[in-house]
Amino acid sequence: MGRTAGQRAGLTRQQVTDAAMDLLRSEGLEAVSMRRVADRLGVAPNSIYAHVADKAALVDELIDAMLGGVATPTDDGWRARIERVMRDSRRELLAHPDLVPFALVRQSVGPNALRLGEVTLGALREAGLDGPAAVTGLQVLLVHTIGSAAFETGRTGDPDPAARGRRGRERAAEFGGVTAELSEPISRWSGDEVFERGLGWLLDGLVPGSGRAR
C-alpha cells in the first residue's frame, strides 16, 4: 500500500494540530482553514487531509489539544480532583473563547477528553456514584463548566458592559417585586463566584453529605 500525501510530506497529526492552534491563537478561528494550515507548514493542502478529514475534524482536534492544558489531578480526595478538573477546564475554555461554542455542542472523544472523563468518573465512583448515575453526574458537571465559560465569553465581548448593567438595573427596578429588590446584584456578574458556588452546589447535590461550599 502506498504512503499517503501526509506521510510523504513527513507530517504528523500533532504537527497539523499545533499549526492550527498557532493560527487560532494569533488570528482567531476564522483564520483556521485547511489551506492556511498547509501554508503554515509549507505543504500542499492534500497533505493535511491525510490527517484530518475537514475543518470540523480539525476543530475537534483543537478542542482536545486545548484540554491537554488540563493536568491530571493528584489530589487525595475525590471532590478535590473533580474541582481541579472542572476549574482548570474552565480556565482553558476562557483562554480559547473561539472554541467554546463548539465545546457546547460536540462531545469530545479525543485522548485528553477521555483522560479527564476517566478521572471524573473514577472520582464519582469513589464518592459512591456508579453506572448511569456517574455518567449523568459527569454530564451535569460539564454542562455547568462549559456553560459558565460560554456565559462569560459572551459578556466579555460586550462593547459597553457598564451601559448594559445600567439598563439591567433600570428594567429590574421597573419590573418590581423581588426582581426590583435584587436589581443591583442582578445587574452585576461575578464569573468566578458563580462558577465556584455552582460547582459546590452541584457536588453537594450529587453526593449528599459531602458538602463544603455554600
C-alpha atoms as a PDB file:
ATOM      1  CA  MET A   1       0.000   0.000   0.000  1.00  0.00           C
ATOM      2  CA  GLY A   2       1.403   3.413  -0.959  1.00  0.00           C
ATOM      3  CA  ARG A   3       2.008   6.160   1.528  1.00  0.00           C
ATOM      4  CA  THR A   4      -0.490   8.999   1.871  1.00  0.00           C
ATOM      5  CA  ALA A   5       0.370  12.562   0.884  1.00  0.00           C
ATOM      6  CA  GLY A   6       0.725  13.452   4.549  1.00  0.00           C
ATOM      7  CA  GLN A   7       3.104  10.597   5.160  1.00  0.00           C
ATOM      8  CA  ARG A   8       5.156  11.519   2.105  1.00  0.00           C
ATOM      9  CA  ALA A   9       5.385  15.082   3.423  1.00  0.00           C
ATOM     10  CA  GLY A  10       6.671  13.755   6.738  1.00  0.00           C
ATOM     11  CA  LEU A  11       3.753  15.289   8.660  1.00  0.00           C
ATOM     12  CA  THR A  12       2.161  14.044  11.853  1.00  0.00           C
ATOM     13  CA  ARG A  13      -1.293  14.813  13.185  1.00  0.00           C
ATOM     14  CA  GLN A  14       0.340  16.602  16.101  1.00  0.00           C
ATOM     15  CA  GLN A  15       2.162  18.966  13.732  1.00  0.00           C
ATOM     16  CA  VAL A  16      -1.099  19.729  11.952  1.00  0.00           C
ATOM     17  CA  THR A  17      -2.874  20.408  15.262  1.00  0.00           C
ATOM     18  CA  ASP A  18      -0.016  22.583  16.538  1.00  0.00           C
ATOM     19  CA  ALA A  19      -0.064  24.692  13.370  1.00  0.00           C
ATOM     20  CA  ALA A  20      -3.837  25.112  13.615  1.00  0.00           C
ATOM     21  CA  MET A  21      -3.552  26.101  17.278  1.00  0.00           C
ATOM     22  CA  ASP A  22      -0.925  28.715  16.411  1.00  0.00           C
ATOM     23  CA  LEU A  23      -3.315  30.201  13.846  1.00  0.00           C
ATOM     24  CA  LEU A  24      -6.188  30.119  16.328  1.00  0.00           C
ATOM     25  CA  ARG A  25      -4.221  31.983  18.976  1.00  0.00           C
ATOM     26  CA  SER A  26      -2.763  34.562  16.627  1.00  0.00           C
ATOM     27  CA  GLU A  27      -5.678  35.235  14.259  1.00  0.00           C
ATOM     28  CA  GLY A  28      -8.814  33.543  15.600  1.00  0.00           C
ATOM     29  CA  LEU A  29     -10.857  30.590  14.412  1.00  0.00           C
ATOM     30  CA  GLU A  30     -11.956  32.232  11.165  1.00  0.00           C
ATOM     31  CA  ALA A  31      -8.339  32.159  10.019  1.00  0.00           C
ATOM     32  CA  VAL A  32      -8.062  28.408  10.601  1.00  0.00           C
ATOM     33  CA  SER A  33      -8.598  26.584   7.330  1.00  0.00           C
ATOM     34  CA  MET A  34      -7.043  23.540   5.745  1.00  0.00           C
ATOM     35  CA  ARG A  35      -5.254  25.765   3.223  1.00  0.00           C
ATOM     36  CA  ARG A  36      -3.916  28.171   5.855  1.00  0.00           C
ATOM     37  CA  VAL A  37      -2.634  25.298   7.978  1.00  0.00           C
ATOM     38  CA  ALA A  38      -0.973  23.773   4.926  1.00  0.00           C
ATOM     39  CA  ASP A  39       0.633  27.122   4.071  1.00  0.00           C
ATOM     40  CA  ARG A  40       1.919  27.431   7.604  1.00  0.00           C
ATOM     41  CA  LEU A  41       3.522  24.004   7.365  1.00  0.00           C
ATOM     42  CA  GLY A  42       4.837  24.574   3.849  1.00  0.00           C
ATOM     43  CA  VAL A  43       2.981  21.624   2.318  1.00  0.00           C
ATOM     44  CA  ALA A  44       0.163  21.059  -0.162  1.00  0.00           C
ATOM     45  CA  PRO A  45      -3.397  21.021   1.288  1.00  0.00           C
ATOM     46  CA  ASN A  46      -3.893  17.347   0.405  1.00  0.00           C
ATOM     47  CA  SER A  47      -1.136  16.553   2.925  1.00  0.00           C
ATOM     48  CA  ILE A  48      -3.400  17.943   5.671  1.00  0.00           C
ATOM     49  CA  TYR A  49      -6.384  15.856   4.557  1.00  0.00           C
ATOM     50  CA  ALA A  50      -4.328  12.751   5.179  1.00  0.00           C
ATOM     51  CA  HIS A  51      -4.575  13.521   8.902  1.00  0.00           C
ATOM     52  CA  VAL A  52      -7.901  15.351   9.330  1.00  0.00           C
ATOM     53  CA  ALA A  53     -10.912  14.995   7.056  1.00  0.00           C
ATOM     54  CA  ASP A  54     -12.128  18.613   7.098  1.00  0.00           C
ATOM     55  CA  LYS A  55     -12.299  21.755   9.201  1.00  0.00           C
ATOM     56  CA  ALA A  56     -14.869  20.220  11.539  1.00  0.00           C
ATOM     57  CA  ALA A  57     -12.431  17.417  12.327  1.00  0.00           C
ATOM     58  CA  LEU A  58      -9.674  19.986  12.756  1.00  0.00           C
ATOM     59  CA  VAL A  59     -11.791  21.872  15.307  1.00  0.00           C
ATOM     60  CA  ASP A  60     -12.284  18.591  17.187  1.00  0.00           C
ATOM     61  CA  GLU A  61      -8.505  18.216  17.310  1.00  0.00           C
ATOM     62  CA  LEU A  62      -8.182  21.785  18.606  1.00  0.00           C
ATOM     63  CA  ILE A  63     -10.696  21.173  21.379  1.00  0.00           C
ATOM     64  CA  ASP A  64      -8.793  18.127  22.559  1.00  0.00           C
ATOM     65  CA  ALA A  65      -5.476  19.969  22.270  1.00  0.00           C
ATOM     66  CA  MET A  66      -6.944  22.715  24.448  1.00  0.00           C
ATOM     67  CA  LEU A  67      -7.865  20.112  27.061  1.00  0.00           C
ATOM     68  CA  GLY A  68      -4.239  18.990  27.020  1.00  0.00           C
ATOM     69  CA  GLY A  69      -3.617  22.074  29.174  1.00  0.00           C
ATOM     70  CA  VAL A  70      -5.607  20.436  31.992  1.00  0.00           C
ATOM     71  CA  ALA A  71      -3.294  18.321  34.108  1.00  0.00           C
ATOM     72  CA  THR A  72      -4.354  15.006  35.616  1.00  0.00           C
ATOM     73  CA  PRO A  73      -5.055  15.925  39.257  1.00  0.00           C
ATOM     74  CA  THR A  74      -3.225  14.127  42.025  1.00  0.00           C
ATOM     75  CA  ASP A  75      -5.281  15.445  44.942  1.00  0.00           C
ATOM     76  CA  ASP A  76      -6.120  12.781  47.501  1.00  0.00           C
ATOM     77  CA  GLY A  77      -9.852  13.443  47.826  1.00  0.00           C
ATOM     78  CA  TRP A  78     -12.418  12.637  45.131  1.00  0.00           C
ATOM     79  CA  ARG A  79     -14.043  16.058  45.470  1.00  0.00           C
ATOM     80  CA  ALA A  80     -10.767  17.943  45.124  1.00  0.00           C
ATOM     81  CA  ARG A  81      -9.950  16.001  41.950  1.00  0.00           C
ATOM     82  CA  ILE A  82     -13.280  16.881  40.354  1.00  0.00           C
ATOM     83  CA  GLU A  83     -12.961  20.518  41.374  1.00  0.00           C
ATOM     84  CA  ARG A  84      -9.493  20.679  39.843  1.00  0.00           C
ATOM     85  CA  VAL A  85     -10.600  19.160  36.534  1.00  0.00           C
ATOM     86  CA  MET A  86     -13.621  21.450  36.182  1.00  0.00           C
ATOM     87  CA  ARG A  87     -11.802  24.563  37.356  1.00  0.00           C
ATOM     88  CA  ASP A  88      -8.859  24.004  35.029  1.00  0.00           C
ATOM     89  CA  SER A  89     -11.140  23.081  32.117  1.00  0.00           C
ATOM     90  CA  ARG A  90     -12.970  26.384  32.561  1.00  0.00           C
ATOM     91  CA  ARG A  91      -9.645  28.209  32.612  1.00  0.00           C
ATOM     92  CA  GLU A  92      -8.648  26.671  29.287  1.00  0.00           C
ATOM     93  CA  LEU A  93     -12.034  27.410  27.750  1.00  0.00           C
ATOM     94  CA  LEU A  94     -11.793  31.061  28.766  1.00  0.00           C
ATOM     95  CA  ALA A  95      -8.314  31.188  27.225  1.00  0.00           C
ATOM     96  CA  HIS A  96      -9.715  29.836  23.919  1.00  0.00           C
ATOM     97  CA  PRO A  97     -13.077  31.622  23.557  1.00  0.00           C
ATOM     98  CA  ASP A  98     -13.461  30.752  19.857  1.00  0.00           C
ATOM     99  CA  LEU A  99     -13.704  27.077  20.798  1.00  0.00           C
ATOM    100  CA  VAL A 100     -16.363  27.485  23.484  1.00  0.00           C
ATOM    101  CA  PRO A 101     -19.410  27.313  21.135  1.00  0.00           C
ATOM    102  CA  PHE A 102     -18.086  24.072  19.647  1.00  0.00           C
ATOM    103  CA  ALA A 103     -17.371  22.577  23.068  1.00  0.00           C
ATOM    104  CA  LEU A 104     -21.030  23.248  23.908  1.00  0.00           C
ATOM    105  CA  VAL A 105     -22.420  21.200  21.044  1.00  0.00           C
ATOM    106  CA  ARG A 106     -19.820  18.492  20.446  1.00  0.00           C
ATOM    107  CA  GLN A 107     -18.904  15.560  22.628  1.00  0.00           C
ATOM    108  CA  SER A 108     -15.132  15.346  22.536  1.00  0.00           C
ATOM    109  CA  VAL A 109     -13.720  11.822  22.394  1.00  0.00           C
ATOM    110  CA  GLY A 110     -10.068  12.728  21.948  1.00  0.00           C
ATOM    111  CA  PRO A 111      -7.387  11.327  24.258  1.00  0.00           C
ATOM    112  CA  ASN A 112      -7.388  14.320  26.606  1.00  0.00           C
ATOM    113  CA  ALA A 113     -11.168  14.399  26.911  1.00  0.00           C
ATOM    114  CA  LEU A 114     -11.178  10.666  27.638  1.00  0.00           C
ATOM    115  CA  ARG A 115      -8.377  11.083  30.189  1.00  0.00           C
ATOM    116  CA  LEU A 116     -10.235  13.801  32.087  1.00  0.00           C
ATOM    117  CA  GLY A 117     -13.529  11.926  31.829  1.00  0.00           C
ATOM    118  CA  GLU A 118     -11.866   8.880  33.341  1.00  0.00           C
ATOM    119  CA  VAL A 119     -10.566  10.956  36.245  1.00  0.00           C
ATOM    120  CA  THR A 120     -14.014  12.413  36.910  1.00  0.00           C
ATOM    121  CA  LEU A 121     -15.872   9.109  36.584  1.00  0.00           C
ATOM    122  CA  GLY A 122     -13.357   7.453  38.885  1.00  0.00           C
ATOM    123  CA  ALA A 123     -13.779  10.207  41.461  1.00  0.00           C
ATOM    124  CA  LEU A 124     -17.571   9.938  41.283  1.00  0.00           C
ATOM    125  CA  ARG A 125     -17.345   6.178  41.778  1.00  0.00           C
ATOM    126  CA  GLU A 126     -15.137   6.761  44.798  1.00  0.00           C
ATOM    127  CA  ALA A 127     -17.824   9.118  46.131  1.00  0.00           C
ATOM    128  CA  GLY A 128     -20.493   6.426  45.779  1.00  0.00           C
ATOM    129  CA  LEU A 129     -21.935   7.091  42.303  1.00  0.00           C
ATOM    130  CA  ASP A 130     -21.566   4.420  39.668  1.00  0.00           C
ATOM    131  CA  GLY A 131     -23.042   3.275  36.379  1.00  0.00           C
ATOM    132  CA  PRO A 132     -25.540   5.618  34.694  1.00  0.00           C
ATOM    133  CA  ALA A 133     -25.636   7.873  37.779  1.00  0.00           C
ATOM    134  CA  ALA A 134     -21.918   8.599  37.430  1.00  0.00           C
ATOM    135  CA  VAL A 135     -22.335   9.347  33.711  1.00  0.00           C
ATOM    136  CA  THR A 136     -25.173  11.760  34.484  1.00  0.00           C
ATOM    137  CA  GLY A 137     -23.007  13.368  37.152  1.00  0.00           C
ATOM    138  CA  LEU A 138     -20.205  13.889  34.660  1.00  0.00           C
ATOM    139  CA  GLN A 139     -22.615  15.372  32.126  1.00  0.00           C
ATOM    140  CA  VAL A 140     -24.114  17.770  34.674  1.00  0.00           C
ATOM    141  CA  LEU A 141     -20.647  18.949  35.691  1.00  0.00           C
ATOM    142  CA  LEU A 142     -19.681  19.525  32.051  1.00  0.00           C
ATOM    143  CA  VAL A 143     -22.871  21.488  31.387  1.00  0.00           C
ATOM    144  CA  HIS A 144     -22.067  23.752  34.316  1.00  0.00           C
ATOM    145  CA  THR A 145     -18.406  24.203  33.393  1.00  0.00           C
ATOM    146  CA  ILE A 146     -18.804  24.752  29.651  1.00  0.00           C
ATOM    147  CA  GLY A 147     -21.984  26.781  30.125  1.00  0.00           C
ATOM    148  CA  SER A 148     -20.234  29.018  32.637  1.00  0.00           C
ATOM    149  CA  ALA A 149     -17.433  29.657  30.155  1.00  0.00           C
ATOM    150  CA  ALA A 150     -19.952  30.370  27.375  1.00  0.00           C
ATOM    151  CA  PHE A 151     -21.796  32.858  29.557  1.00  0.00           C
ATOM    152  CA  GLU A 152     -18.558  34.631  30.445  1.00  0.00           C
ATOM    153  CA  THR A 153     -17.086  34.779  26.957  1.00  0.00           C
ATOM    154  CA  GLY A 154     -20.358  36.245  25.698  1.00  0.00           C
ATOM    155  CA  ARG A 155     -20.188  39.008  28.290  1.00  0.00           C
ATOM    156  CA  THR A 156     -16.538  39.843  27.722  1.00  0.00           C
ATOM    157  CA  GLY A 157     -17.436  40.650  24.117  1.00  0.00           C
ATOM    158  CA  ASP A 158     -19.946  43.300  25.222  1.00  0.00           C
ATOM    159  CA  PRO A 159     -18.787  46.684  23.842  1.00  0.00           C
ATOM    160  CA  ASP A 160     -20.286  48.621  26.782  1.00  0.00           C
ATOM    161  CA  PRO A 161     -20.849  46.449  29.864  1.00  0.00           C
ATOM    162  CA  ALA A 162     -21.456  49.474  32.115  1.00  0.00           C
ATOM    163  CA  ALA A 163     -24.355  50.629  29.950  1.00  0.00           C
ATOM    164  CA  ARG A 164     -25.796  47.114  29.842  1.00  0.00           C
ATOM    165  CA  GLY A 165     -25.578  46.877  33.631  1.00  0.00           C
ATOM    166  CA  ARG A 166     -27.312  50.225  33.994  1.00  0.00           C
ATOM    167  CA  ARG A 167     -30.146  49.152  31.676  1.00  0.00           C
ATOM    168  CA  GLY A 168     -30.452  45.921  33.624  1.00  0.00           C
ATOM    169  CA  ARG A 169     -30.863  47.776  36.917  1.00  0.00           C
ATOM    170  CA  GLU A 170     -33.428  50.144  35.446  1.00  0.00           C
ATOM    171  CA  ARG A 171     -35.532  47.382  33.911  1.00  0.00           C
ATOM    172  CA  ALA A 172     -35.367  45.244  37.034  1.00  0.00           C
ATOM    173  CA  ALA A 173     -36.484  48.205  39.149  1.00  0.00           C
ATOM    174  CA  GLU A 174     -39.383  48.896  36.774  1.00  0.00           C
ATOM    175  CA  PHE A 175     -40.455  45.255  36.869  1.00  0.00           C
ATOM    176  CA  GLY A 176     -40.984  45.377  40.625  1.00  0.00           C
ATOM    177  CA  GLY A 177     -41.247  42.601  43.201  1.00  0.00           C
ATOM    178  CA  VAL A 178     -38.252  40.566  44.288  1.00  0.00           C
ATOM    179  CA  THR A 179     -36.574  41.385  40.967  1.00  0.00           C
ATOM    180  CA  ALA A 180     -36.598  45.099  41.874  1.00  0.00           C
ATOM    181  CA  GLU A 181     -35.252  44.380  45.363  1.00  0.00           C
ATOM    182  CA  LEU A 182     -32.338  42.486  43.846  1.00  0.00           C
ATOM    183  CA  SER A 183     -31.762  44.805  40.890  1.00  0.00           C
ATOM    184  CA  GLU A 184     -28.218  45.685  41.983  1.00  0.00           C
ATOM    185  CA  PRO A 185     -26.808  42.109  42.226  1.00  0.00           C
ATOM    186  CA  ILE A 186     -28.831  41.098  39.161  1.00  0.00           C
ATOM    187  CA  SER A 187     -27.026  43.734  37.101  1.00  0.00           C
ATOM    188  CA  ARG A 188     -23.591  42.506  38.163  1.00  0.00           C
ATOM    189  CA  TRP A 189     -21.799  39.341  37.109  1.00  0.00           C
ATOM    190  CA  SER A 190     -19.040  37.635  39.026  1.00  0.00           C
ATOM    191  CA  GLY A 191     -17.953  34.728  36.872  1.00  0.00           C
ATOM    192  CA  ASP A 192     -15.591  33.187  39.409  1.00  0.00           C
ATOM    193  CA  GLU A 193     -18.103  33.368  42.243  1.00  0.00           C
ATOM    194  CA  VAL A 194     -20.972  31.978  40.183  1.00  0.00           C
ATOM    195  CA  PHE A 195     -18.854  29.132  38.868  1.00  0.00           C
ATOM    196  CA  GLU A 196     -17.347  28.164  42.220  1.00  0.00           C
ATOM    197  CA  ARG A 197     -20.605  28.367  44.140  1.00  0.00           C
ATOM    198  CA  GLY A 198     -22.478  26.498  41.446  1.00  0.00           C
ATOM    199  CA  LEU A 199     -19.827  23.780  41.349  1.00  0.00           C
ATOM    200  CA  GLY A 200     -20.073  23.429  45.108  1.00  0.00           C
ATOM    201  CA  TRP A 201     -23.848  23.153  45.000  1.00  0.00           C
ATOM    202  CA  LEU A 202     -23.692  20.543  42.257  1.00  0.00           C
ATOM    203  CA  LEU A 203     -21.249  18.377  44.173  1.00  0.00           C
ATOM    204  CA  ASP A 204     -23.314  18.779  47.351  1.00  0.00           C
ATOM    205  CA  GLY A 205     -26.367  17.555  45.446  1.00  0.00           C
ATOM    206  CA  LEU A 206     -24.620  14.727  43.626  1.00  0.00           C
ATOM    207  CA  VAL A 207     -23.204  13.317  46.846  1.00  0.00           C
ATOM    208  CA  PRO A 208     -25.331  14.468  49.817  1.00  0.00           C
ATOM    209  CA  GLY A 209     -23.341  14.839  52.987  1.00  0.00           C
ATOM    210  CA  SER A 210     -20.129  15.781  51.207  1.00  0.00           C
ATOM    211  CA  GLY A 211     -20.914  19.499  51.273  1.00  0.00           C
ATOM    212  CA  ARG A 212     -18.266  22.113  51.719  1.00  0.00           C
ATOM    213  CA  ALA A 213     -19.239  25.148  49.664  1.00  0.00           C
ATOM    214  CA  ARG A 214     -22.253  27.358  50.374  1.00  0.00           C
END
